[in-house]
C-alpha atoms as a PDB file:
ATOM      1  CA  MET A   1      52.035 -32.339-220.687  1.00  0.00           C
ATOM      2  CA  TYR A   2      50.867 -35.409-222.641  1.00  0.00           C
ATOM      3  CA  PRO A   3      47.246 -34.217-223.058  1.00  0.00           C
ATOM      4  CA  ALA A   4      46.329 -37.313-225.059  1.00  0.00           C
ATOM      5  CA  ALA A   5      47.653 -39.751-222.475  1.00  0.00           C
ATOM      6  CA  THR A   6      45.621 -41.809-220.054  1.00  0.00           C
ATOM      7  CA  TRP A   7      46.538 -40.744-216.514  1.00  0.00           C
ATOM      8  CA  VAL A   8      46.528 -42.835-213.365  1.00  0.00           C
ATOM      9  CA  ASP A   9      47.217 -40.596-210.363  1.00  0.00           C
ATOM     10  CA  LEU A  10      48.063 -42.603-207.253  1.00  0.00           C
ATOM     11  CA  LEU A  11      47.843 -39.488-205.119  1.00  0.00           C
ATOM     12  CA  GLU A  12      44.082 -39.973-205.411  1.00  0.00           C
ATOM     13  CA  THR A  13      43.315 -42.126-202.402  1.00  0.00           C
ATOM     14  CA  ASP A  14      40.394 -43.984-203.939  1.00  0.00           C
ATOM     15  CA  GLN A  15      42.431 -45.025-206.992  1.00  0.00           C
ATOM     16  CA  LEU A  16      45.380 -46.030-204.860  1.00  0.00           C
ATOM     17  CA  LEU A  17      43.308 -48.226-202.536  1.00  0.00           C
ATOM     18  CA  GLU A  18      41.433 -49.880-205.391  1.00  0.00           C
ATOM     19  CA  LEU A  19      44.511 -50.651-207.441  1.00  0.00           C
ATOM     20  CA  ARG A  20      46.564 -51.862-204.502  1.00  0.00           C
ATOM     21  CA  THR A  21      43.729 -54.184-203.500  1.00  0.00           C
ATOM     22  CA  ARG A  22      43.103 -55.405-207.052  1.00  0.00           C
ATOM     23  CA  PRO A  23      46.053 -54.661-209.393  1.00  0.00           C
ATOM     24  CA  ALA A  24      44.173 -56.416-212.230  1.00  0.00           C
ATOM     25  CA  LEU A  25      41.827 -53.395-212.332  1.00  0.00           C
ATOM     26  CA  LEU A  26      44.541 -51.545-214.215  1.00  0.00           C
ATOM     27  CA  ARG A  27      44.398 -54.091-217.039  1.00  0.00           C
ATOM     28  CA  GLU A  28      40.617 -54.046-217.053  1.00  0.00           C
ATOM     29  CA  ARG A  29      40.482 -50.247-217.288  1.00  0.00           C
ATOM     30  CA  LEU A  30      42.965 -50.022-220.139  1.00  0.00           C
ATOM     31  CA  TYR A  31      41.689 -52.858-222.320  1.00  0.00           C
ATOM     32  CA  ARG A  32      40.245 -50.505-224.984  1.00  0.00           C
ATOM     33  CA  LEU A  33      43.450 -48.621-225.656  1.00  0.00           C
ATOM     34  CA  GLU A  34      45.138 -49.102-229.020  1.00  0.00           C
ATOM     35  CA  PRO A  35      48.737 -50.358-229.278  1.00  0.00           C
ATOM     36  CA  GLY A  36      51.146 -47.474-228.864  1.00  0.00           C
ATOM     37  CA  SER A  37      48.834 -45.520-226.548  1.00  0.00           C
ATOM     38  CA  LEU A  38      50.569 -43.682-223.714  1.00  0.00           C
ATOM     39  CA  VAL A  39      49.620 -44.300-220.082  1.00  0.00           C
ATOM     40  CA  VAL A  40      51.078 -42.159-217.300  1.00  0.00           C
ATOM     41  CA  ILE A  41      51.141 -43.567-213.764  1.00  0.00           C
ATOM     42  CA  ASP A  42      52.156 -40.925-211.233  1.00  0.00           C
ATOM     43  CA  GLU A  43      53.685 -41.832-207.841  1.00  0.00           C
ATOM     44  CA  VAL A  44      54.079 -45.440-208.927  1.00  0.00           C
ATOM     45  CA  GLN A  45      56.184 -46.235-205.853  1.00  0.00           C
ATOM     46  CA  LYS A  46      52.989 -46.167-203.812  1.00  0.00           C
ATOM     47  CA  ALA A  47      51.737 -49.311-205.592  1.00  0.00           C
ATOM     48  CA  PRO A  48      54.714 -51.346-206.860  1.00  0.00           C
ATOM     49  CA  GLU A  49      52.432 -54.349-207.305  1.00  0.00           C
ATOM     50  CA  LEU A  50      51.082 -52.637-210.440  1.00  0.00           C
ATOM     51  CA  LEU A  51      54.367 -53.235-212.237  1.00  0.00           C
ATOM     52  CA  ASP A  52      53.469 -56.849-213.032  1.00  0.00           C
ATOM     53  CA  GLU A  53      50.332 -55.565-214.779  1.00  0.00           C
ATOM     54  CA  VAL A  54      52.380 -52.895-216.573  1.00  0.00           C
ATOM     55  CA  HIS A  55      54.767 -55.602-217.748  1.00  0.00           C
ATOM     56  CA  GLY A  56      51.882 -57.621-219.154  1.00  0.00           C
ATOM     57  CA  LEU A  57      50.300 -54.611-220.874  1.00  0.00           C
ATOM     58  CA  ILE A  58      53.608 -53.725-222.518  1.00  0.00           C
ATOM     59  CA  GLU A  59      54.084 -57.266-223.811  1.00  0.00           C
ATOM     60  CA  LYS A  60      50.522 -58.158-224.814  1.00  0.00           C
ATOM     61  CA  GLN A  61      48.803 -54.879-225.611  1.00  0.00           C
ATOM     62  CA  ARG A  62      51.895 -52.932-226.697  1.00  0.00           C
ATOM     63  CA  LEU A  63      51.052 -49.935-224.533  1.00  0.00           C
ATOM     64  CA  VAL A  64      53.650 -47.305-223.685  1.00  0.00           C
ATOM     65  CA  PHE A  65      54.027 -46.276-220.046  1.00  0.00           C
ATOM     66  CA  ALA A  66      55.554 -43.252-218.325  1.00  0.00           C
ATOM     67  CA  LEU A  67      56.038 -44.169-214.666  1.00  0.00           C
ATOM     68  CA  SER A  68      56.914 -41.281-212.388  1.00  0.00           C
ATOM     69  CA  GLY A  69      57.639 -41.039-208.683  1.00  0.00           C
ATOM     70  CA  SER A  70      59.829 -39.472-206.053  1.00  0.00           C
ATOM     71  CA  SER A  71      61.391 -42.657-204.685  1.00  0.00           C
ATOM     72  CA  ALA A  72      62.617 -45.938-206.087  1.00  0.00           C
ATOM     73  CA  ARG A  73      63.316 -47.321-202.631  1.00  0.00           C
ATOM     74  CA  LYS A  74      60.016 -49.028-201.936  1.00  0.00           C
ATOM     75  CA  VAL A  75      59.913 -50.464-205.444  1.00  0.00           C
ATOM     76  CA  ARG A  76      63.366 -51.996-205.121  1.00  0.00           C
ATOM     77  CA  ARG A  77      63.076 -53.128-201.513  1.00  0.00           C
ATOM     78  CA  GLY A  78      59.692 -54.699-202.201  1.00  0.00           C
ATOM     79  CA  HIS A  79      61.165 -56.967-204.903  1.00  0.00           C
ATOM     80  CA  ALA A  80      58.804 -55.439-207.457  1.00  0.00           C
ATOM     81  CA  ASN A  81      59.021 -56.102-211.186  1.00  0.00           C
ATOM     82  CA  LEU A  82      61.651 -53.596-212.340  1.00  0.00           C
ATOM     83  CA  LEU A  83      60.822 -54.098-216.031  1.00  0.00           C
ATOM     84  CA  GLY A  84      64.383 -55.058-216.868  1.00  0.00           C
ATOM     85  CA  GLY A  85      65.156 -54.401-220.520  1.00  0.00           C
ATOM     86  CA  ARG A  86      61.740 -52.790-221.088  1.00  0.00           C
ATOM     87  CA  ALA A  87      62.203 -49.426-219.385  1.00  0.00           C
ATOM     88  CA  LEU A  88      64.546 -46.460-219.405  1.00  0.00           C
ATOM     89  CA  ARG A  89      65.308 -44.676-216.145  1.00  0.00           C
ATOM     90  CA  LEU A  90      65.273 -40.888-216.419  1.00  0.00           C
ATOM     91  CA  GLU A  91      65.828 -38.510-213.514  1.00  0.00           C
ATOM     92  CA  MET A  92      64.331 -35.035-213.446  1.00  0.00           C
ATOM     93  CA  PHE A  93      66.289 -32.318-211.688  1.00  0.00           C
ATOM     94  CA  GLY A  94      65.379 -28.927-210.340  1.00  0.00           C
ATOM     95  CA  LEU A  95      65.754 -25.919-212.612  1.00  0.00           C
ATOM     96  CA  VAL A  96      69.092 -25.580-214.386  1.00  0.00           C
ATOM     97  CA  SER A  97      70.620 -22.468-215.902  1.00  0.00           C
ATOM     98  CA  ALA A  98      69.893 -23.601-219.468  1.00  0.00           C
ATOM     99  CA  GLU A  99      66.148 -23.752-218.768  1.00  0.00           C
ATOM    100  CA  LEU A 100      66.115 -20.197-217.418  1.00  0.00           C
ATOM    101  CA  GLY A 101      68.390 -18.686-220.054  1.00  0.00           C
ATOM    102  CA  ASP A 102      69.121 -14.996-219.619  1.00  0.00           C
ATOM    103  CA  THR A 103      66.739 -14.816-216.655  1.00  0.00           C
ATOM    104  CA  PHE A 104      68.913 -17.137-214.552  1.00  0.00           C
ATOM    105  CA  ASP A 105      69.883 -15.447-211.276  1.00  0.00           C
ATOM    106  CA  LEU A 106      72.675 -17.200-209.371  1.00  0.00           C
ATOM    107  CA  GLU A 107      72.053 -15.418-206.081  1.00  0.00           C
ATOM    108  CA  ARG A 108      68.359 -16.292-206.273  1.00  0.00           C
ATOM    109  CA  ALA A 109      69.133 -19.947-207.006  1.00  0.00           C
ATOM    110  CA  LEU A 110      71.621 -20.252-204.138  1.00  0.00           C
ATOM    111  CA  ASN A 111      69.164 -18.763-201.668  1.00  0.00           C
ATOM    112  CA  ARG A 112      65.940 -20.383-202.862  1.00  0.00           C
ATOM    113  CA  GLY A 113      67.087 -23.645-204.389  1.00  0.00           C
ATOM    114  CA  TYR A 114      66.319 -25.222-207.740  1.00  0.00           C
ATOM    115  CA  LEU A 115      62.758 -26.479-207.286  1.00  0.00           C
ATOM    116  CA  PRO A 116      60.574 -24.477-209.702  1.00  0.00           C
ATOM    117  CA  ARG A 117      57.950 -23.476-207.164  1.00  0.00           C
ATOM    118  CA  HIS A 118      60.583 -22.183-204.754  1.00  0.00           C
ATOM    119  CA  TYR A 119      62.816 -20.447-207.302  1.00  0.00           C
ATOM    120  CA  LEU A 120      59.864 -18.776-209.044  1.00  0.00           C
ATOM    121  CA  ALA A 121      57.989 -17.744-205.870  1.00  0.00           C
ATOM    122  CA  ASP A 122      56.421 -14.275-205.803  1.00  0.00           C
ATOM    123  CA  GLU A 123      59.086 -11.572-205.650  1.00  0.00           C
ATOM    124  CA  THR A 124      56.797  -9.310-203.623  1.00  0.00           C
ATOM    125  CA  ASP A 125      56.544 -11.777-200.733  1.00  0.00           C
ATOM    126  CA  ALA A 126      60.003 -12.153-199.211  1.00  0.00           C
ATOM    127  CA  SER A 127      58.837 -14.874-196.814  1.00  0.00           C
ATOM    128  CA  ALA A 128      57.288 -17.106-199.495  1.00  0.00           C
ATOM    129  CA  PRO A 129      60.438 -19.159-200.357  1.00  0.00           C
ATOM    130  CA  GLY A 130      61.102 -19.893-196.682  1.00  0.00           C
ATOM    131  CA  ARG A 131      57.524 -20.988-196.045  1.00  0.00           C
ATOM    132  CA  LEU A 132      57.575 -23.203-199.126  1.00  0.00           C
ATOM    133  CA  LEU A 133      60.854 -24.835-198.106  1.00  0.00           C
ATOM    134  CA  ARG A 134      59.622 -25.431-194.566  1.00  0.00           C
ATOM    135  CA  SER A 135      56.457 -27.045-195.897  1.00  0.00           C
ATOM    136  CA  TYR A 136      58.433 -29.135-198.374  1.00  0.00           C
ATOM    137  CA  VAL A 137      60.769 -30.534-195.712  1.00  0.00           C
ATOM    138  CA  GLN A 138      57.902 -31.252-193.327  1.00  0.00           C
ATOM    139  CA  ASP A 139      55.904 -32.989-196.062  1.00  0.00           C
ATOM    140  CA  TYR A 140      58.950 -34.997-197.019  1.00  0.00           C
ATOM    141  CA  LEU A 141      59.417 -36.226-193.461  1.00  0.00           C
ATOM    142  CA  LYS A 142      55.733 -37.020-193.116  1.00  0.00           C
ATOM    143  CA  GLU A 143      54.900 -38.516-196.499  1.00  0.00           C
ATOM    144  CA  GLU A 144      58.095 -39.995-197.913  1.00  0.00           C
ATOM    145  CA  ILE A 145      59.628 -41.263-194.707  1.00  0.00           C
ATOM    146  CA  LEU A 146      56.947 -41.884-192.112  1.00  0.00           C
ATOM    147  CA  ALA A 147      54.131 -42.928-194.455  1.00  0.00           C
ATOM    148  CA  GLU A 148      56.378 -45.391-196.285  1.00  0.00           C
ATOM    149  CA  ALA A 149      57.647 -46.794-192.964  1.00  0.00           C
ATOM    150  CA  LEU A 150      61.249 -46.328-194.056  1.00  0.00           C
ATOM    151  CA  ILE A 151      62.384 -45.613-190.490  1.00  0.00           C
ATOM    152  CA  ARG A 152      61.051 -46.130-186.987  1.00  0.00           C
ATOM    153  CA  ASN A 153      62.651 -43.153-185.249  1.00  0.00           C
ATOM    154  CA  LEU A 154      61.453 -39.980-186.951  1.00  0.00           C
ATOM    155  CA  PRO A 155      62.998 -37.549-184.386  1.00  0.00           C
ATOM    156  CA  ALA A 156      66.418 -39.151-184.907  1.00  0.00           C
ATOM    157  CA  PHE A 157      66.035 -38.924-188.663  1.00  0.00           C
ATOM    158  CA  SER A 158      65.006 -35.285-188.375  1.00  0.00           C
ATOM    159  CA  ALA A 159      68.170 -34.595-186.347  1.00  0.00           C
ATOM    160  CA  PHE A 160      70.183 -36.505-188.930  1.00  0.00           C
ATOM    161  CA  LEU A 161      68.845 -34.275-191.726  1.00  0.00           C
ATOM    162  CA  ALA A 162      70.091 -31.172-189.937  1.00  0.00           C
ATOM    163  CA  ALA A 163      73.513 -32.738-189.293  1.00  0.00           C
ATOM    164  CA  ALA A 164      73.797 -33.992-192.871  1.00  0.00           C
ATOM    165  CA  ALA A 165      72.939 -30.544-194.231  1.00  0.00           C
ATOM    166  CA  LEU A 166      75.913 -29.090-192.355  1.00  0.00           C
ATOM    167  CA  SER A 167      78.116 -31.595-194.214  1.00  0.00           C
ATOM    168  CA  ASP A 168      76.777 -30.768-197.690  1.00  0.00           C
ATOM    169  CA  GLY A 169      79.632 -30.982-200.176  1.00  0.00           C
ATOM    170  CA  ASP A 170      82.000 -32.474-197.592  1.00  0.00           C
ATOM    171  CA  MET A 171      83.333 -35.927-196.859  1.00  0.00           C
ATOM    172  CA  VAL A 172      80.934 -37.766-194.570  1.00  0.00           C
ATOM    173  CA  ASN A 173      81.990 -38.895-191.107  1.00  0.00           C
ATOM    174  CA  SER A 174      79.223 -41.312-190.120  1.00  0.00           C
ATOM    175  CA  ALA A 175      80.572 -41.768-186.591  1.00  0.00           C
ATOM    176  CA  ASN A 176      80.453 -38.036-185.829  1.00  0.00           C
ATOM    177  CA  ILE A 177      76.942 -37.656-187.228  1.00  0.00           C
ATOM    178  CA  ALA A 178      75.791 -40.759-185.341  1.00  0.00           C
ATOM    179  CA  ARG A 179      77.100 -39.298-182.101  1.00  0.00           C
ATOM    180  CA  ASP A 180      75.326 -35.985-182.737  1.00  0.00           C
ATOM    181  CA  CYS A 181      72.014 -37.747-183.495  1.00  0.00           C
ATOM    182  CA  GLY A 182      72.166 -40.444-180.819  1.00  0.00           C
ATOM    183  CA  VAL A 183      72.016 -43.360-183.269  1.00  0.00           C
ATOM    184  CA  SER A 184      74.476 -45.951-184.552  1.00  0.00           C
ATOM    185  CA  ALA A 185      76.852 -45.406-187.474  1.00  0.00           C
ATOM    186  CA  PRO A 186      75.063 -48.142-189.503  1.00  0.00           C
ATOM    187  CA  SER A 187      71.800 -46.226-188.972  1.00  0.00           C
ATOM    188  CA  VAL A 188      73.428 -43.073-190.326  1.00  0.00           C
ATOM    189  CA  ARG A 189      74.610 -44.931-193.412  1.00  0.00           C
ATOM    190  CA  GLU A 190      71.068 -46.240-193.890  1.00  0.00           C
ATOM    191  CA  TYR A 191      69.705 -42.715-193.510  1.00  0.00           C
ATOM    192  CA  PHE A 192      72.030 -41.459-196.229  1.00  0.00           C
ATOM    193  CA  GLN A 193      70.819 -44.271-198.477  1.00  0.00           C
ATOM    194  CA  ILE A 194      67.242 -43.144-197.846  1.00  0.00           C
ATOM    195  CA  LEU A 195      68.180 -39.670-199.095  1.00  0.00           C
ATOM    196  CA  VAL A 196      69.717 -41.173-202.233  1.00  0.00           C
ATOM    197  CA  ASP A 197      66.751 -43.480-202.872  1.00  0.00           C
ATOM    198  CA  THR A 198      64.243 -40.648-202.418  1.00  0.00           C
ATOM    199  CA  LEU A 199      66.290 -38.416-204.761  1.00  0.00           C
ATOM    200  CA  LEU A 200      67.148 -35.896-202.068  1.00  0.00           C
ATOM    201  CA  GLY A 201      70.895 -36.420-202.272  1.00  0.00           C
ATOM    202  CA  ARG A 202      73.731 -38.061-204.162  1.00  0.00           C
ATOM    203  CA  TRP A 203      77.256 -39.306-203.537  1.00  0.00           C
ATOM    204  CA  VAL A 204      80.296 -38.041-205.416  1.00  0.00           C
ATOM    205  CA  PRO A 205      83.084 -40.627-205.151  1.00  0.00           C
ATOM    206  CA  ALA A 206      86.753 -39.869-204.695  1.00  0.00           C
ATOM    207  CA  PHE A 207      88.970 -40.334-207.738  1.00  0.00           C
ATOM    208  CA  THR A 208      91.588 -42.910-206.796  1.00  0.00           C
ATOM    209  CA  LYS A 209      92.876 -44.326-210.094  1.00  0.00           C
ATOM    210  CA  ARG A 210      96.620 -44.361-210.737  1.00  0.00           C
ATOM    211  CA  PRO A 211      97.591 -41.807-208.088  1.00  0.00           C
ATOM    212  CA  LYS A 212     101.239 -40.831-207.709  1.00  0.00           C
ATOM    213  CA  ARG A 213     100.548 -39.840-204.109  1.00  0.00           C
ATOM    214  CA  ARG A 214      98.240 -41.105-201.419  1.00  0.00           C
ATOM    215  CA  VAL A 215      94.753 -39.682-201.947  1.00  0.00           C
ATOM    216  CA  ILE A 216      91.560 -39.537-199.906  1.00  0.00           C
ATOM    217  CA  GLN A 217      89.078 -42.311-200.754  1.00  0.00           C
ATOM    218  CA  ALA A 218      85.948 -41.319-198.798  1.00  0.00           C
ATOM    219  CA  PRO A 219      83.029 -40.022-200.898  1.00  0.00           C
ATOM    220  CA  LYS A 220      81.372 -36.631-200.607  1.00  0.00           C
ATOM    221  CA  PHE A 221      77.635 -36.116-200.247  1.00  0.00           C
ATOM    222  CA  TYR A 222      75.577 -33.384-201.916  1.00  0.00           C
ATOM    223  CA  PHE A 223      71.919 -32.585-201.387  1.00  0.00           C
ATOM    224  CA  THR A 224      70.111 -32.270-204.698  1.00  0.00           C
ATOM    225  CA  ASP A 225      68.582 -28.933-203.707  1.00  0.00           C
ATOM    226  CA  VAL A 226      70.578 -26.213-201.989  1.00  0.00           C
ATOM    227  CA  GLY A 227      67.380 -24.584-200.714  1.00  0.00           C
ATOM    228  CA  VAL A 228      66.772 -27.659-198.551  1.00  0.00           C
ATOM    229  CA  VAL A 229      70.331 -27.371-197.221  1.00  0.00           C
ATOM    230  CA  ASN A 230      69.787 -23.702-196.389  1.00  0.00           C
ATOM    231  CA  HIS A 231      66.578 -24.475-194.514  1.00  0.00           C
ATOM    232  CA  LEU A 232      67.907 -27.466-192.574  1.00  0.00           C
ATOM    233  CA  SER A 233      71.130 -25.739-191.527  1.00  0.00           C
ATOM    234  CA  ARG A 234      69.388 -22.392-190.866  1.00  0.00           C
ATOM    235  CA  ARG A 235      71.815 -20.439-192.976  1.00  0.00           C
ATOM    236  CA  GLY A 236      69.704 -17.335-193.412  1.00  0.00           C
ATOM    237  CA  ARG A 237      70.319 -15.015-196.342  1.00  0.00           C
ATOM    238  CA  LEU A 238      73.444 -15.965-198.320  1.00  0.00           C
ATOM    239  CA  GLU A 239      75.501 -13.016-199.512  1.00  0.00           C
ATOM    240  CA  PRO A 240      78.309 -13.117-202.110  1.00  0.00           C
ATOM    241  CA  GLY A 241      81.690 -13.182-200.430  1.00  0.00           C
ATOM    242  CA  SER A 242      80.603 -15.307-197.478  1.00  0.00           C
ATOM    243  CA  GLU A 243      81.861 -18.829-196.791  1.00  0.00           C
ATOM    244  CA  LEU A 244      78.338 -20.254-196.931  1.00  0.00           C
ATOM    245  CA  PHE A 245      77.717 -18.607-200.302  1.00  0.00           C
ATOM    246  CA  GLY A 246      80.824 -20.422-201.511  1.00  0.00           C
ATOM    247  CA  LYS A 247      79.534 -23.783-200.245  1.00  0.00           C
ATOM    248  CA  ALA A 248      76.179 -23.173-201.932  1.00  0.00           C
ATOM    249  CA  PHE A 249      78.005 -22.234-205.146  1.00  0.00           C
ATOM    250  CA  GLU A 250      79.748 -25.617-205.140  1.00  0.00           C
ATOM    251  CA  ASN A 251      76.379 -27.342-204.653  1.00  0.00           C
ATOM    252  CA  TRP A 252      75.023 -25.422-207.665  1.00  0.00           C
ATOM    253  CA  LEU A 253      77.944 -26.525-209.827  1.00  0.00           C
ATOM    254  CA  SER A 254      77.378 -30.143-208.760  1.00  0.00           C
ATOM    255  CA  HIS A 255      73.699 -29.734-209.662  1.00  0.00           C
ATOM    256  CA  GLU A 256      74.509 -28.390-213.138  1.00  0.00           C
ATOM    257  CA  LEU A 257      77.065 -31.106-213.875  1.00  0.00           C
ATOM    258  CA  HIS A 258      74.862 -33.995-212.763  1.00  0.00           C
ATOM    259  CA  ALA A 259      71.832 -32.607-214.599  1.00  0.00           C
ATOM    260  CA  TYR A 260      73.886 -32.136-217.764  1.00  0.00           C
ATOM    261  CA  ARG A 261      75.128 -35.720-217.582  1.00  0.00           C
ATOM    262  CA  GLU A 262      71.575 -37.045-217.189  1.00  0.00           C
ATOM    263  CA  TYR A 263      69.869 -34.860-219.788  1.00  0.00           C
ATOM    264  CA  SER A 264      72.597 -35.192-222.419  1.00  0.00           C
ATOM    265  CA  GLY A 265      72.892 -38.951-222.034  1.00  0.00           C
ATOM    266  CA  SER A 266      76.612 -38.524-221.415  1.00  0.00           C
ATOM    267  CA  GLU A 267      78.739 -41.382-220.100  1.00  0.00           C
ATOM    268  CA  LEU A 268      80.743 -39.037-217.880  1.00  0.00           C
ATOM    269  CA  ASP A 269      81.892 -40.153-214.466  1.00  0.00           C
ATOM    270  CA  ILE A 270      81.911 -37.351-211.889  1.00  0.00           C
ATOM    271  CA  ALA A 271      84.351 -37.615-208.989  1.00  0.00           C
ATOM    272  CA  TYR A 272      86.458 -35.361-206.798  1.00  0.00           C
ATOM    273  CA  TRP A 273      90.183 -35.518-206.015  1.00  0.00           C
ATOM    274  CA  ARG A 274      91.818 -34.774-202.668  1.00  0.00           C
ATOM    275  CA  LEU A 275      95.189 -35.196-201.014  1.00  0.00           C
ATOM    276  CA  PRO A 276      95.498 -35.928-197.269  1.00  0.00           C
ATOM    277  CA  SER A 277      96.909 -32.400-196.880  1.00  0.00           C
ATOM    278  CA  GLY A 278      93.475 -31.007-197.823  1.00  0.00           C
ATOM    279  CA  ILE A 279      94.401 -29.845-201.319  1.00  0.00           C
ATOM    280  CA  GLU A 280      91.572 -30.863-203.620  1.00  0.00           C
ATOM    281  CA  VAL A 281      89.692 -30.362-206.872  1.00  0.00           C
ATOM    282  CA  ASP A 282      85.914 -30.295-206.594  1.00  0.00           C
ATOM    283  CA  PHE A 283      85.052 -32.217-209.760  1.00  0.00           C
ATOM    284  CA  LEU A 284      86.967 -34.436-212.153  1.00  0.00           C
ATOM    285  CA  LEU A 285      85.070 -35.558-215.255  1.00  0.00           C
ATOM    286  CA  THR A 286      86.297 -38.729-216.906  1.00  0.00           C
ATOM    287  CA  PRO A 287      86.944 -40.033-219.510  1.00  0.00           C
ATOM    288  CA  ALA A 288      86.941 -36.431-220.788  1.00  0.00           C
ATOM    289  CA  TRP A 289      89.648 -35.615-218.201  1.00  0.00           C
ATOM    290  CA  VAL A 290      88.305 -32.189-217.343  1.00  0.00           C
ATOM    291  CA  ALA A 291      89.026 -30.852-213.848  1.00  0.00           C
ATOM    292  CA  ILE A 292      86.688 -28.202-212.439  1.00  0.00           C
ATOM    293  CA  GLU A 293      87.071 -26.124-209.290  1.00  0.00           C
ATOM    294  CA  ALA A 294      84.256 -23.949-207.865  1.00  0.00           C
ATOM    295  CA  LYS A 295      85.240 -20.712-206.145  1.00  0.00           C
ATOM    296  CA  ALA A 296      82.639 -18.030-205.484  1.00  0.00           C
ATOM    297  CA  VAL A 297      85.192 -15.238-205.609  1.00  0.00           C
ATOM    298  CA  ALA A 298      85.270 -12.056-207.684  1.00  0.00           C
ATOM    299  CA  LYS A 299      89.053 -12.279-208.111  1.00  0.00           C
ATOM    300  CA  ALA A 300      90.791 -15.640-208.418  1.00  0.00           C
ATOM    301  CA  THR A 301      94.297 -15.886-206.958  1.00  0.00           C
ATOM    302  CA  SER A 302      97.074 -18.451-207.086  1.00  0.00           C
ATOM    303  CA  GLU A 303      95.764 -19.970-203.858  1.00  0.00           C
ATOM    304  CA  HIS A 304      92.441 -20.747-205.559  1.00  0.00           C
ATOM    305  CA  LEU A 305      94.340 -22.521-208.376  1.00  0.00           C
ATOM    306  CA  ARG A 306      96.487 -24.681-206.113  1.00  0.00           C
ATOM    307  CA  GLY A 307      94.340 -27.821-206.341  1.00  0.00           C
ATOM    308  CA  LEU A 308      94.172 -27.711-210.137  1.00  0.00           C
ATOM    309  CA  ARG A 309      97.965 -27.341-210.306  1.00  0.00           C
ATOM    310  CA  GLU A 310      98.608 -30.216-207.913  1.00  0.00           C
ATOM    311  CA  LEU A 311      96.194 -32.440-209.825  1.00  0.00           C
ATOM    312  CA  ALA A 312      98.169 -31.875-213.026  1.00  0.00           C
ATOM    313  CA  VAL A 313     101.230 -33.275-211.238  1.00  0.00           C
ATOM    314  CA  ASP A 314      99.318 -36.328-209.992  1.00  0.00           C
ATOM    315  CA  GLN A 315      97.291 -37.062-213.118  1.00  0.00           C
ATOM    316  CA  ARG A 316      99.055 -36.365-216.406  1.00  0.00           C
ATOM    317  CA  SER A 317      95.934 -37.389-218.357  1.00  0.00           C
ATOM    318  CA  VAL A 318      94.053 -34.219-217.358  1.00  0.00           C
ATOM    319  CA  ARG A 319      93.646 -32.229-220.567  1.00  0.00           C
ATOM    320  CA  ARG A 320      91.641 -29.262-219.318  1.00  0.00           C
ATOM    321  CA  ARG A 321      91.533 -27.386-216.000  1.00  0.00           C
ATOM    322  CA  ILE A 322      88.804 -24.849-215.245  1.00  0.00           C
ATOM    323  CA  LEU A 323      88.143 -22.549-212.322  1.00  0.00           C
ATOM    324  CA  VAL A 324      84.485 -21.449-212.238  1.00  0.00           C
ATOM    325  CA  CYS A 325      84.096 -18.212-210.317  1.00  0.00           C
ATOM    326  CA  LEU A 326      82.401 -14.807-210.136  1.00  0.00           C
ATOM    327  CA  GLU A 327      84.896 -12.885-212.240  1.00  0.00           C
ATOM    328  CA  LYS A 328      83.379 -10.782-215.030  1.00  0.00           C
ATOM    329  CA  ARG A 329      85.623 -11.893-217.898  1.00  0.00           C
ATOM    330  CA  ALA A 330      87.226 -15.158-218.926  1.00  0.00           C
ATOM    331  CA  ARG A 331      90.989 -15.451-218.847  1.00  0.00           C
ATOM    332  CA  ARG A 332      93.687 -18.095-219.049  1.00  0.00           C
ATOM    333  CA  THR A 333      96.782 -18.451-216.862  1.00  0.00           C
ATOM    334  CA  ASP A 334     100.272 -19.022-218.247  1.00  0.00           C
ATOM    335  CA  ASP A 335     100.099 -22.694-217.275  1.00  0.00           C
ATOM    336  CA  GLY A 336      96.797 -23.239-219.099  1.00  0.00           C
ATOM    337  CA  ILE A 337      94.141 -22.967-216.383  1.00  0.00           C
ATOM    338  CA  GLU A 338      90.917 -21.418-217.685  1.00  0.00           C
ATOM    339  CA  ILE A 339      89.200 -18.977-215.351  1.00  0.00           C
ATOM    340  CA  LEU A 340      85.549 -18.720-216.403  1.00  0.00           C
ATOM    341  CA  PRO A 341      82.659 -16.614-215.097  1.00  0.00           C
ATOM    342  CA  HIS A 342      79.922 -18.919-213.837  1.00  0.00           C
ATOM    343  CA  ALA A 343      77.375 -17.880-216.483  1.00  0.00           C
ATOM    344  CA  GLN A 344      79.858 -18.383-219.318  1.00  0.00           C
ATOM    345  CA  PHE A 345      80.797 -21.795-217.969  1.00  0.00           C
ATOM    346  CA  ALA A 346      77.121 -22.826-217.699  1.00  0.00           C
ATOM    347  CA  ARG A 347      76.394 -21.791-221.280  1.00  0.00           C
ATOM    348  CA  ALA A 348      79.422 -23.696-222.554  1.00  0.00           C
ATOM    349  CA  LEU A 349      78.485 -26.756-220.502  1.00  0.00           C
ATOM    350  CA  TRP A 350      74.988 -26.983-221.953  1.00  0.00           C
ATOM    351  CA  ARG A 351      76.305 -26.418-225.483  1.00  0.00           C
ATOM    352  CA  GLY A 352      78.536 -29.444-224.966  1.00  0.00           C
ATOM    353  CA  GLU A 353      81.726 -27.380-225.140  1.00  0.00           C
ATOM    354  CA  ILE A 354      83.242 -28.301-221.769  1.00  0.00           C
ATOM    355  CA  THR A 355      83.733 -32.014-222.342  1.00  0.00           C
END
């Protein structure tokens, strides 16, 4: 990728130490480049002080920069130059169904996760995905958390990760997790923010606008990779028909929707809707007003459609209701709910036909 670009890799210890000690070295090394030349700085969060030099090179030398990294936390917390008005923020996700096309395997994705190296691991070595995930989580704890001094109590954070994984796709109860981990509720909230800042998780807010009935307002939390959830919560092999397969299926649908919003440049807001009774709809996309429920079942019943029907009573603006499931053929109920096989839904989503 970008073979003609000038690369600055901050994973190389010598470069990192030199540039952190003397940020002006970046300017001195790039002085010969012509206006419009592309410079890639990888793992830029390791040296946020370079962003002042990047700012100057953009303004004076008209260079173009691609700044990549796995965490914006240190950059923001260190009051670094965020290049306001001069940079676009783009987030890269794990593999999505559109990238894999006809080779996409749902069961493989739900068991291995979306990270390319994990999803594409050697078929002949059944233990490879597990070893890769274990290494990934351990490296994350060591490099992203401990090395960046984001927390002081690594064992507590490690326990928090396991507890948070059990809550994937659910409303978060910080007090319960704090009690399980032996830390305070404010610490748990800070830990969740670390996951968001290091791109390991995201919040999905509750939809609370113009309700006819009282609705739940607490947000849900999803890990960005279901393979990490599987490893942390020790799920083992997920089989279709199991409750855990259903939870992983919902994570996958969240992954596809958020990736589509980012890659398409859509202005969609993604929320969920829930009544105090527990009736809910997994995803509500506004302003398109499309409601989407994830059910990893081979035969959808009226019980699976209950949330979508209750939402239509509460929010008259909803124009489309979809149940994404494992049925083989698409169908439509008498009251207008579309029941779509997961692969058909994914294709329609990436063609821009859902919203």
